[in-house]
Amino acid sequence: MTLNLSAVLLFALASVVAVRSRAANGGAAVVLFLFGFFTAGTGAYGPIRDLVASFARFLTSLG
């Protein structure tokens, strides 16, 4: 069974958790940046989306 989630939904949930827990570290900053970036869909969307997709493929190849 495969579960597909939108990157915006995933980063939105992670952002809510980071803000509610008042996390002020590098990981929370990256999550908030990616949420804003995927929500806005700027001109740099392509390279950053490819980077996140390659990281996701790397994670799935580990398991």
Protein backbone atom coordinates (compact mmCIF):
# COMPACT_ATOMS: atom_id res chain seq x y z
CA MET A 1 0.00 0.00 0.00
CA THR A 2 1.38 3.37 -1.02
CA LEU A 3 0.49 6.61 0.69
CA ASN A 4 0.96 9.87 -1.21
CA LEU A 5 1.06 13.21 0.60
CA SER A 6 1.49 16.65 -0.81
CA ALA A 7 4.75 18.37 0.17
CA VAL A 8 2.77 21.44 1.20
CA LEU A 9 0.58 19.35 3.52
CA LEU A 10 3.58 17.56 5.00
CA PHE A 11 5.50 20.78 5.64
CA ALA A 12 2.35 22.46 6.98
CA LEU A 13 1.94 19.76 9.61
CA ALA A 14 5.64 19.92 10.50
CA SER A 15 5.44 23.72 10.71
CA VAL A 16 2.49 23.57 13.08
CA VAL A 17 4.38 21.17 15.30
CA ALA A 18 7.51 23.35 15.23
CA VAL A 19 5.60 26.54 16.06
CA ARG A 20 3.44 24.92 18.77
CA SER A 21 6.49 23.36 20.44
CA ARG A 22 8.39 26.65 20.09
CA ALA A 23 11.34 24.87 18.52
CA ALA A 24 14.06 27.37 17.66
CA ASN A 25 16.65 25.21 15.97
CA GLY A 26 18.00 24.67 12.48
CA GLY A 27 15.57 21.87 11.66
CA ALA A 28 12.55 24.03 12.48
CA ALA A 29 13.97 26.84 10.35
CA VAL A 30 14.40 24.49 7.38
CA VAL A 31 10.86 23.13 7.78
CA LEU A 32 9.37 26.63 7.93
CA PHE A 33 11.44 27.73 4.91
CA LEU A 34 10.34 24.73 2.85
CA PHE A 35 6.69 25.22 3.83
CA GLY A 36 6.77 28.85 2.75
CA PHE A 37 8.68 27.99 -0.39
CA PHE A 38 6.35 25.23 -1.54
CA THR A 39 3.33 27.37 -0.69
CA ALA A 40 4.59 30.36 -2.68
CA GLY A 41 5.96 28.41 -5.68
CA THR A 42 8.61 30.96 -6.70
CA GLY A 43 10.92 30.84 -9.71
CA ALA A 44 13.46 28.75 -7.79
CA TYR A 45 10.79 26.09 -7.30
CA GLY A 46 12.30 23.65 -9.80
CA PRO A 47 15.79 23.17 -8.31
CA ILE A 48 14.59 23.07 -4.71
CA ARG A 49 11.78 20.65 -5.59
CA ASP A 50 14.32 18.42 -7.34
CA LEU A 51 16.58 18.53 -4.27
CA VAL A 52 13.73 17.57 -1.94
CA ALA A 53 12.59 14.83 -4.35
CA SER A 54 16.09 13.34 -4.54
CA PHE A 55 16.31 13.39 -0.74
CA ALA A 56 12.95 11.60 -0.55
CA ARG A 57 14.16 8.98 -3.04
CA PHE A 58 17.30 8.51 -0.94
CA LEU A 59 15.21 7.96 2.19
CA THR A 60 12.98 5.42 0.45
CA SER A 61 16.00 3.51 -0.86
CA LEU A 62 17.26 3.09 2.71
CA GLY A 63 14.14 1.25 3.86
